[in-house]
C-alpha atoms as a PDB file:
ATOM      1  CA  MET A   1     -35.912 -25.860 -24.834  1.00  0.00           C
ATOM      2  CA  GLY A   2     -33.648 -22.891 -24.349  1.00  0.00           C
ATOM      3  CA  CYS A   3     -30.072 -22.524 -25.334  1.00  0.00           C
ATOM      4  CA  ALA A   4     -27.557 -23.614 -22.793  1.00  0.00           C
ATOM      5  CA  CYS A   5     -25.375 -20.498 -23.500  1.00  0.00           C
ATOM      6  CA  GLN A   6     -27.907 -18.276 -21.831  1.00  0.00           C
ATOM      7  CA  ASN A   7     -27.390 -19.917 -18.399  1.00  0.00           C
ATOM      8  CA  LYS A   8     -23.606 -19.280 -18.200  1.00  0.00           C
ATOM      9  CA  LYS A   9     -22.150 -16.631 -15.971  1.00  0.00           C
ATOM     10  CA  LYS A  10     -20.226 -13.664 -17.422  1.00  0.00           C
ATOM     11  CA  PHE A  11     -17.504 -11.437 -16.057  1.00  0.00           C
ATOM     12  CA  GLU A  12     -17.640  -7.765 -16.963  1.00  0.00           C
ATOM     13  CA  VAL A  13     -14.922  -5.184 -16.681  1.00  0.00           C
ATOM     14  CA  VAL A  14     -16.591  -1.977 -15.505  1.00  0.00           C
ATOM     15  CA  THR A  15     -15.103   1.592 -15.474  1.00  0.00           C
ATOM     16  CA  ILE A  16     -16.626   4.738 -13.900  1.00  0.00           C
ATOM     17  CA  VAL A  17     -17.194   7.542 -16.417  1.00  0.00           C
ATOM     18  CA  THR A  18     -18.713  10.988 -15.979  1.00  0.00           C
ATOM     19  CA  ASP A  19     -21.973  11.556 -18.009  1.00  0.00           C
ATOM     20  CA  PRO A  20     -21.381  14.754 -20.053  1.00  0.00           C
ATOM     21  CA  LYS A  21     -25.025  15.829 -19.687  1.00  0.00           C
ATOM     22  CA  THR A  22     -25.628  15.406 -16.064  1.00  0.00           C
ATOM     23  CA  GLN A  23     -22.062  15.444 -14.735  1.00  0.00           C
ATOM     24  CA  GLN A  24     -22.840  12.353 -12.676  1.00  0.00           C
ATOM     25  CA  PRO A  25     -20.612   9.268 -12.493  1.00  0.00           C
ATOM     26  CA  LYS A  26     -21.975   6.112 -13.975  1.00  0.00           C
ATOM     27  CA  GLU A  27     -20.756   2.628 -14.814  1.00  0.00           C
ATOM     28  CA  LYS A  28     -19.692   1.570 -18.325  1.00  0.00           C
ATOM     29  CA  VAL A  29     -19.078  -2.078 -19.308  1.00  0.00           C
ATOM     30  CA  VAL A  30     -15.987  -2.069 -21.437  1.00  0.00           C
ATOM     31  CA  PHE A  31     -15.480  -5.833 -21.842  1.00  0.00           C
ATOM     32  CA  SER A  32     -17.241  -9.071 -21.041  1.00  0.00           C
ATOM     33  CA  SER A  33     -16.131 -12.683 -21.020  1.00  0.00           C
ATOM     34  CA  GLN A  34     -17.073 -16.124 -19.768  1.00  0.00           C
ATOM     35  CA  HIS A  35     -13.633 -16.541 -18.229  1.00  0.00           C
ATOM     36  CA  LYS A  36     -12.670 -14.606 -15.050  1.00  0.00           C
ATOM     37  CA  SER A  37      -8.929 -14.852 -15.877  1.00  0.00           C
ATOM     38  CA  VAL A  38      -9.442 -13.091 -19.208  1.00  0.00           C
ATOM     39  CA  ALA A  39     -11.589 -10.398 -17.562  1.00  0.00           C
ATOM     40  CA  ASP A  40      -8.939  -9.889 -14.867  1.00  0.00           C
ATOM     41  CA  GLY A  41      -6.214  -9.418 -17.648  1.00  0.00           C
ATOM     42  CA  VAL A  42      -8.343  -6.894 -19.473  1.00  0.00           C
ATOM     43  CA  ALA A  43      -9.125  -5.044 -16.203  1.00  0.00           C
ATOM     44  CA  LYS A  44      -5.337  -4.277 -15.773  1.00  0.00           C
ATOM     45  CA  ARG A  45      -5.513  -2.133 -18.889  1.00  0.00           C
ATOM     46  CA  TYR A  46      -8.139   0.054 -17.411  1.00  0.00           C
ATOM     47  CA  PRO A  47      -6.955   1.930 -14.171  1.00  0.00           C
ATOM     48  CA  GLY A  48      -9.598   1.872 -11.431  1.00  0.00           C
ATOM     49  CA  SER A  49     -11.746  -0.627 -13.244  1.00  0.00           C
ATOM     50  CA  THR A  50     -13.559  -3.518 -11.520  1.00  0.00           C
ATOM     51  CA  VAL A  51     -14.529  -7.087 -12.541  1.00  0.00           C
ATOM     52  CA  ARG A  52     -18.092  -7.795 -11.941  1.00  0.00           C
ATOM     53  CA  GLU A  53     -19.729 -11.230 -12.130  1.00  0.00           C
ATOM     54  CA  TYR A  54     -22.918 -11.129 -14.120  1.00  0.00           C
ATOM     55  CA  ASP A  55     -25.490 -13.808 -13.740  1.00  0.00           C
ATOM     56  CA  PRO A  56     -28.237 -13.578 -16.436  1.00  0.00           C
ATOM     57  CA  GLN A  57     -30.698 -15.412 -14.284  1.00  0.00           C
ATOM     58  CA  LYS A  58     -30.283 -12.900 -11.370  1.00  0.00           C
ATOM     59  CA  LYS A  59     -29.974  -9.808 -13.660  1.00  0.00           C
ATOM     60  CA  GLY A  60     -27.270  -8.261 -11.514  1.00  0.00           C
ATOM     61  CA  GLY A  61     -23.717  -8.651 -10.497  1.00  0.00           C
ATOM     62  CA  THR A  62     -21.194  -8.585  -7.794  1.00  0.00           C
ATOM     63  CA  SER A  63     -17.964  -6.515  -8.292  1.00  0.00           C
ATOM     64  CA  SER A  64     -14.383  -6.873  -7.196  1.00  0.00           C
ATOM     65  CA  THR A  65     -11.670  -4.220  -7.563  1.00  0.00           C
ATOM     66  CA  SER A  66      -8.809  -4.961 -10.069  1.00  0.00           C
ATOM     67  CA  LYS A  67      -5.227  -4.753  -8.778  1.00  0.00           C
END
């Protein structure tokens, strides 16, 4: 039987950074939490960041822009 904590959704705060080697923009996760309200609060500290919902079962996320 698996751990129940593996089935919970996470919210990630994502910023866009420039890769110094390729000069291409890429996403960087700077914070993750199981609570959307906490992730929204942290996202306010990073201008231009987004909050993305990460579902471990789907291996992907949807994003929303911070205000």
